[in-house]
Amino acid sequence: MSARISEASALVLIAALALAGCAHAPTDPQARLALYRQHAGTPVAGIDYVRNMRWEALGDQALAVWPRRDTGFLVELASPCPGLDQASAIQLTRSEGRVRSRQDAVRVVSIPGSRPMQRTPCPIMLISPIRDAPADAPGPLREVDDTEGSAP
């Protein structure tokens, strides 16, 4: 009898752990990108740039930016951006306080283990609001470098 109870308890525990694992957003950047694409709204022309904007890399061709903890945007780039997936600091170009798709760019400023240098800007192709993001989104965030950026 006790063996059956132990087996049942083990199955309940395994099921609970499996459900708990599903309740959290993935940590892999490609899986997070897929999740954000599922929750992306209609692309917008641009977003207001705010100080202390935070970001997370989603591979080398996309990132999520968070002007506020509860407001995020998926930013997809025209081509791979060397070092974006490893960057510790980025800048967003902007003009008149707005970051615009097809006009502005992401610039990798710093990569751990390499010296700071001016890197080629990576043009922004699409900016889409992230709607109904999972409760534990966003993932680990870094602050956007607030150094004044102008359009490339």
C-alpha atoms as a PDB file:
ATOM      1  CA  MET A   1       0.000   0.000   0.000  1.00  0.00           C
ATOM      2  CA  SER A   2       2.749   2.447   0.959  1.00  0.00           C
ATOM      3  CA  ALA A   3       4.559   1.713  -2.348  1.00  0.00           C
ATOM      4  CA  ARG A   4       1.436   2.828  -4.242  1.00  0.00           C
ATOM      5  CA  ILE A   5       1.198   5.999  -2.172  1.00  0.00           C
ATOM      6  CA  SER A   6       4.887   6.725  -2.825  1.00  0.00           C
ATOM      7  CA  GLU A   7       4.421   6.172  -6.572  1.00  0.00           C
ATOM      8  CA  ALA A   8       1.352   8.397  -6.588  1.00  0.00           C
ATOM      9  CA  SER A   9       3.179  11.075  -4.616  1.00  0.00           C
ATOM     10  CA  ALA A  10       6.113  10.915  -7.022  1.00  0.00           C
ATOM     11  CA  LEU A  11       3.798  11.261 -10.035  1.00  0.00           C
ATOM     12  CA  VAL A  12       2.031  14.230  -8.461  1.00  0.00           C
ATOM     13  CA  LEU A  13       5.392  15.866  -7.719  1.00  0.00           C
ATOM     14  CA  ILE A  14       6.647  15.282 -11.285  1.00  0.00           C
ATOM     15  CA  ALA A  15       3.422  16.724 -12.728  1.00  0.00           C
ATOM     16  CA  ALA A  16       3.640  19.762 -10.462  1.00  0.00           C
ATOM     17  CA  LEU A  17       7.265  20.394 -11.458  1.00  0.00           C
ATOM     18  CA  ALA A  18       6.403  20.032 -15.134  1.00  0.00           C
ATOM     19  CA  LEU A  19       3.565  22.540 -14.804  1.00  0.00           C
ATOM     20  CA  ALA A  20       5.782  24.952 -12.891  1.00  0.00           C
ATOM     21  CA  GLY A  21       8.347  24.735 -15.670  1.00  0.00           C
ATOM     22  CA  CYS A  22       5.695  25.672 -18.229  1.00  0.00           C
ATOM     23  CA  ALA A  23       4.538  28.666 -16.207  1.00  0.00           C
ATOM     24  CA  HIS A  24       7.777  30.587 -16.708  1.00  0.00           C
ATOM     25  CA  ALA A  25       9.046  32.291 -19.844  1.00  0.00           C
ATOM     26  CA  PRO A  26      11.987  30.518 -21.478  1.00  0.00           C
ATOM     27  CA  THR A  27      15.518  31.726 -20.762  1.00  0.00           C
ATOM     28  CA  ASP A  28      17.023  30.762 -24.148  1.00  0.00           C
ATOM     29  CA  PRO A  29      17.207  33.928 -26.322  1.00  0.00           C
ATOM     30  CA  GLN A  30      15.788  32.177 -29.409  1.00  0.00           C
ATOM     31  CA  ALA A  31      12.896  30.734 -27.398  1.00  0.00           C
ATOM     32  CA  ARG A  32      12.247  34.176 -25.879  1.00  0.00           C
ATOM     33  CA  LEU A  33      12.294  35.702 -29.389  1.00  0.00           C
ATOM     34  CA  ALA A  34       9.693  33.159 -30.515  1.00  0.00           C
ATOM     35  CA  LEU A  35       7.591  33.934 -27.437  1.00  0.00           C
ATOM     36  CA  TYR A  36       7.769  37.688 -28.041  1.00  0.00           C
ATOM     37  CA  ARG A  37       6.888  37.212 -31.716  1.00  0.00           C
ATOM     38  CA  GLN A  38       3.780  35.301 -30.608  1.00  0.00           C
ATOM     39  CA  HIS A  39       2.832  38.281 -28.421  1.00  0.00           C
ATOM     40  CA  ALA A  40       3.863  41.026 -30.876  1.00  0.00           C
ATOM     41  CA  GLY A  41       1.257  43.489 -32.012  1.00  0.00           C
ATOM     42  CA  THR A  42       1.092  45.367 -35.290  1.00  0.00           C
ATOM     43  CA  PRO A  43       4.431  47.058 -36.075  1.00  0.00           C
ATOM     44  CA  VAL A  44       4.620  50.760 -35.239  1.00  0.00           C
ATOM     45  CA  ALA A  45       6.574  53.533 -36.967  1.00  0.00           C
ATOM     46  CA  GLY A  46       8.499  54.411 -33.819  1.00  0.00           C
ATOM     47  CA  ILE A  47       8.580  54.693 -30.048  1.00  0.00           C
ATOM     48  CA  ASP A  48       9.412  57.472 -27.635  1.00  0.00           C
ATOM     49  CA  TYR A  49      12.919  57.215 -26.255  1.00  0.00           C
ATOM     50  CA  VAL A  50      12.970  57.388 -22.472  1.00  0.00           C
ATOM     51  CA  ARG A  51      15.901  57.642 -20.106  1.00  0.00           C
ATOM     52  CA  ASN A  52      16.700  54.429 -18.264  1.00  0.00           C
ATOM     53  CA  MET A  53      15.208  52.313 -21.047  1.00  0.00           C
ATOM     54  CA  ARG A  54      16.197  48.690 -20.508  1.00  0.00           C
ATOM     55  CA  TRP A  55      16.850  45.936 -23.019  1.00  0.00           C
ATOM     56  CA  GLU A  56      17.533  42.259 -23.515  1.00  0.00           C
ATOM     57  CA  ALA A  57      19.253  40.597 -26.488  1.00  0.00           C
ATOM     58  CA  LEU A  58      17.258  37.974 -28.364  1.00  0.00           C
ATOM     59  CA  GLY A  59      20.087  36.627 -30.491  1.00  0.00           C
ATOM     60  CA  ASP A  60      22.088  38.782 -32.908  1.00  0.00           C
ATOM     61  CA  GLN A  61      19.185  40.151 -34.964  1.00  0.00           C
ATOM     62  CA  ALA A  62      16.554  41.170 -32.402  1.00  0.00           C
ATOM     63  CA  LEU A  63      16.136  42.678 -28.968  1.00  0.00           C
ATOM     64  CA  ALA A  64      13.349  43.649 -26.625  1.00  0.00           C
ATOM     65  CA  VAL A  65      13.366  47.167 -25.203  1.00  0.00           C
ATOM     66  CA  TRP A  66      11.401  48.104 -22.113  1.00  0.00           C
ATOM     67  CA  PRO A  67      10.723  51.825 -21.576  1.00  0.00           C
ATOM     68  CA  ARG A  68       8.782  50.749 -18.462  1.00  0.00           C
ATOM     69  CA  ARG A  69       8.609  47.416 -16.660  1.00  0.00           C
ATOM     70  CA  ASP A  70       5.124  46.725 -18.071  1.00  0.00           C
ATOM     71  CA  THR A  71       5.671  48.121 -21.589  1.00  0.00           C
ATOM     72  CA  GLY A  72       7.926  46.335 -24.052  1.00  0.00           C
ATOM     73  CA  PHE A  73       8.729  46.439 -27.742  1.00  0.00           C
ATOM     74  CA  LEU A  74      10.251  43.813 -29.997  1.00  0.00           C
ATOM     75  CA  VAL A  75      12.936  45.439 -32.162  1.00  0.00           C
ATOM     76  CA  GLU A  76      13.990  43.416 -35.193  1.00  0.00           C
ATOM     77  CA  LEU A  77      17.072  44.381 -37.172  1.00  0.00           C
ATOM     78  CA  ALA A  78      17.610  44.376 -40.939  1.00  0.00           C
ATOM     79  CA  SER A  79      20.539  41.947 -40.644  1.00  0.00           C
ATOM     80  CA  PRO A  80      22.619  40.254 -37.950  1.00  0.00           C
ATOM     81  CA  CYS A  81      24.312  42.728 -35.607  1.00  0.00           C
ATOM     82  CA  PRO A  82      27.793  41.494 -34.656  1.00  0.00           C
ATOM     83  CA  GLY A  83      28.173  41.218 -30.889  1.00  0.00           C
ATOM     84  CA  LEU A  84      24.562  42.043 -29.980  1.00  0.00           C
ATOM     85  CA  ASP A  85      23.978  38.649 -28.379  1.00  0.00           C
ATOM     86  CA  GLN A  86      27.018  39.204 -26.102  1.00  0.00           C
ATOM     87  CA  ALA A  87      26.796  42.990 -25.607  1.00  0.00           C
ATOM     88  CA  SER A  88      26.827  44.526 -22.162  1.00  0.00           C
ATOM     89  CA  ALA A  89      25.970  47.989 -23.513  1.00  0.00           C
ATOM     90  CA  ILE A  90      24.140  49.339 -26.566  1.00  0.00           C
ATOM     91  CA  GLN A  91      22.945  52.695 -27.840  1.00  0.00           C
ATOM     92  CA  LEU A  92      19.810  53.448 -29.815  1.00  0.00           C
ATOM     93  CA  THR A  93      20.002  56.228 -32.363  1.00  0.00           C
ATOM     94  CA  ARG A  94      17.102  58.626 -32.253  1.00  0.00           C
ATOM     95  CA  SER A  95      15.978  62.036 -33.388  1.00  0.00           C
ATOM     96  CA  GLU A  96      13.539  64.365 -31.713  1.00  0.00           C
ATOM     97  CA  GLY A  97      13.174  61.890 -28.843  1.00  0.00           C
ATOM     98  CA  ARG A  98      11.883  59.025 -31.027  1.00  0.00           C
ATOM     99  CA  VAL A  99      13.398  55.763 -32.190  1.00  0.00           C
ATOM    100  CA  ARG A 100      12.022  54.987 -35.653  1.00  0.00           C
ATOM    101  CA  SER A 101      12.013  51.808 -37.697  1.00  0.00           C
ATOM    102  CA  ARG A 102      13.863  52.052 -41.030  1.00  0.00           C
ATOM    103  CA  GLN A 103      15.569  55.281 -39.859  1.00  0.00           C
ATOM    104  CA  ASP A 104      17.336  54.492 -36.603  1.00  0.00           C
ATOM    105  CA  ALA A 105      19.758  51.824 -35.499  1.00  0.00           C
ATOM    106  CA  VAL A 106      21.231  49.848 -32.617  1.00  0.00           C
ATOM    107  CA  ARG A 107      24.933  50.286 -31.919  1.00  0.00           C
ATOM    108  CA  VAL A 108      26.821  47.754 -29.793  1.00  0.00           C
ATOM    109  CA  VAL A 109      29.005  49.797 -27.436  1.00  0.00           C
ATOM    110  CA  SER A 110      30.594  47.209 -25.177  1.00  0.00           C
ATOM    111  CA  ILE A 111      31.176  43.467 -25.223  1.00  0.00           C
ATOM    112  CA  PRO A 112      32.636  41.772 -22.133  1.00  0.00           C
ATOM    113  CA  GLY A 113      36.309  40.962 -22.659  1.00  0.00           C
ATOM    114  CA  SER A 114      36.861  43.395 -25.534  1.00  0.00           C
ATOM    115  CA  ARG A 115      37.772  47.045 -25.529  1.00  0.00           C
ATOM    116  CA  PRO A 116      35.052  49.649 -26.115  1.00  0.00           C
ATOM    117  CA  MET A 117      34.967  50.768 -29.732  1.00  0.00           C
ATOM    118  CA  GLN A 118      32.705  52.362 -32.288  1.00  0.00           C
ATOM    119  CA  ARG A 119      30.914  49.574 -34.092  1.00  0.00           C
ATOM    120  CA  THR A 120      28.827  49.789 -37.217  1.00  0.00           C
ATOM    121  CA  PRO A 121      25.193  50.711 -36.482  1.00  0.00           C
ATOM    122  CA  CYS A 122      22.640  47.968 -37.115  1.00  0.00           C
ATOM    123  CA  PRO A 123      19.515  49.360 -38.841  1.00  0.00           C
ATOM    124  CA  ILE A 124      16.150  48.748 -37.179  1.00  0.00           C
ATOM    125  CA  MET A 125      13.686  47.071 -39.548  1.00  0.00           C
ATOM    126  CA  LEU A 126      10.581  46.607 -37.331  1.00  0.00           C
ATOM    127  CA  ILE A 127       9.341  47.777 -33.948  1.00  0.00           C
ATOM    128  CA  SER A 128       6.332  45.928 -32.545  1.00  0.00           C
ATOM    129  CA  PRO A 129       4.624  46.337 -29.166  1.00  0.00           C
ATOM    130  CA  ILE A 130       4.712  43.241 -26.984  1.00  0.00           C
ATOM    131  CA  ARG A 131       1.139  42.536 -25.917  1.00  0.00           C
ATOM    132  CA  ASP A 132       0.014  40.219 -23.140  1.00  0.00           C
ATOM    133  CA  ALA A 133       3.582  39.251 -22.307  1.00  0.00           C
ATOM    134  CA  PRO A 134       4.048  36.430 -19.796  1.00  0.00           C
ATOM    135  CA  ALA A 135       3.975  37.493 -16.156  1.00  0.00           C
ATOM    136  CA  ASP A 136       7.708  36.954 -15.683  1.00  0.00           C
ATOM    137  CA  ALA A 137       8.721  38.927 -18.785  1.00  0.00           C
ATOM    138  CA  PRO A 138      11.036  40.641 -19.293  1.00  0.00           C
ATOM    139  CA  GLY A 139      14.133  38.557 -18.710  1.00  0.00           C
ATOM    140  CA  PRO A 140      17.485  39.837 -17.422  1.00  0.00           C
ATOM    141  CA  LEU A 141      17.684  43.481 -18.465  1.00  0.00           C
ATOM    142  CA  ARG A 142      20.480  45.962 -19.038  1.00  0.00           C
ATOM    143  CA  GLU A 143      20.196  49.734 -19.348  1.00  0.00           C
ATOM    144  CA  VAL A 144      20.520  51.375 -22.760  1.00  0.00           C
ATOM    145  CA  ASP A 145      23.520  53.725 -22.827  1.00  0.00           C
ATOM    146  CA  ASP A 146      21.934  57.200 -22.625  1.00  0.00           C
ATOM    147  CA  THR A 147      24.720  58.885 -24.576  1.00  0.00           C
ATOM    148  CA  GLU A 148      23.019  61.063 -27.156  1.00  0.00           C
ATOM    149  CA  GLY A 149      22.530  59.031 -30.332  1.00  0.00           C
ATOM    150  CA  SER A 150      21.652  60.561 -33.650  1.00  0.00           C
ATOM    151  CA  ALA A 151      20.361  58.816 -36.727  1.00  0.00           C
ATOM    152  CA  PRO A 152      23.074  56.936 -38.687  1.00  0.00           C
END
